[in-house]
Amino acid sequence: MRLDYTLIMALVEQWRCGTHIFHLCGGEMTPTLQDVIKLTVLLIDGAPMIGHGWSINIYALCDRLL
């Protein structure tokens, strides 16, 4: 999967942490579970993943990708 860093940075700049909403030119957008599924191609069926089972530093990965 190729990442469009310009698009990612544009979305990050429009994100409001306090309200969990993107403030865009055409209005506000709240991401839903369906939006996340379409963007990440993650499956939502099966057993949930809980706990601290990460074998990588998830915060460092997020910083690197964003």
Protein backbone atom coordinates (compact mmCIF):
# COMPACT_ATOMS: atom_id res chain seq x y z
CA MET A 1 0.00 0.00 0.00
CA ARG A 2 1.37 3.41 -0.95
CA LEU A 3 0.84 6.24 1.51
CA ASP A 4 0.08 9.76 0.36
CA TYR A 5 2.00 11.79 2.95
CA THR A 6 0.64 15.10 1.69
CA LEU A 7 -2.93 13.90 2.18
CA ILE A 8 -2.11 12.49 5.62
CA MET A 9 -0.55 15.78 6.74
CA ALA A 10 -3.53 17.75 5.40
CA LEU A 11 -5.92 15.57 7.42
CA VAL A 12 -3.75 15.79 10.55
CA GLU A 13 -3.87 19.58 10.33
CA GLN A 14 -7.69 19.51 10.21
CA TRP A 15 -8.15 17.09 13.16
CA ARG A 16 -9.50 18.48 16.44
CA CYS A 17 -8.55 16.25 19.39
CA GLY A 18 -11.11 17.75 21.78
CA THR A 19 -14.09 16.90 19.60
CA HIS A 20 -12.66 13.97 17.55
CA ILE A 21 -13.87 15.67 14.36
CA PHE A 22 -12.20 16.75 11.12
CA HIS A 23 -13.00 20.42 10.36
CA LEU A 24 -13.07 20.60 6.55
CA CYS A 25 -14.08 23.28 4.05
CA GLY A 26 -17.45 21.63 3.39
CA GLY A 27 -18.26 21.06 7.06
CA GLU A 28 -17.38 18.67 9.86
CA MET A 29 -16.70 14.95 9.52
CA THR A 30 -16.67 12.41 12.33
CA PRO A 31 -14.92 9.16 11.31
CA THR A 32 -17.04 6.05 11.89
CA LEU A 33 -16.04 2.40 12.21
CA GLN A 34 -17.14 1.91 8.59
CA ASP A 35 -14.79 4.71 7.50
CA VAL A 36 -11.87 3.06 9.30
CA ILE A 37 -12.69 -0.31 7.71
CA LYS A 38 -12.70 1.22 4.21
CA LEU A 39 -9.44 3.12 4.76
CA THR A 40 -7.45 0.40 6.51
CA VAL A 41 -9.02 -2.72 4.96
CA LEU A 42 -9.23 -4.25 8.45
CA LEU A 43 -11.69 -7.03 9.22
CA ILE A 44 -14.10 -6.46 12.10
CA ASP A 45 -15.38 -9.99 12.58
CA GLY A 46 -13.83 -12.51 14.97
CA ALA A 47 -12.48 -12.22 18.49
CA PRO A 48 -11.46 -8.74 19.69
CA MET A 49 -7.84 -7.88 20.36
CA ILE A 50 -7.41 -6.57 23.88
CA GLY A 51 -4.57 -5.97 26.29
CA HIS A 52 -0.96 -5.10 25.67
CA GLY A 53 -0.06 -7.75 23.12
CA TRP A 54 1.92 -5.42 20.87
CA SER A 55 5.40 -6.64 20.02
CA ILE A 56 6.31 -3.18 18.70
CA ASN A 57 6.19 0.29 20.20
CA ILE A 58 2.86 1.41 18.72
CA TYR A 59 3.47 5.06 19.66
CA ALA A 60 6.82 5.16 17.86
CA LEU A 61 5.21 3.51 14.81
CA CYS A 62 2.44 6.13 14.72
CA ASP A 63 5.00 8.95 15.01
CA ARG A 64 7.05 7.45 12.18
CA LEU A 65 4.02 7.01 9.89
CA LEU A 66 2.57 10.43 10.58
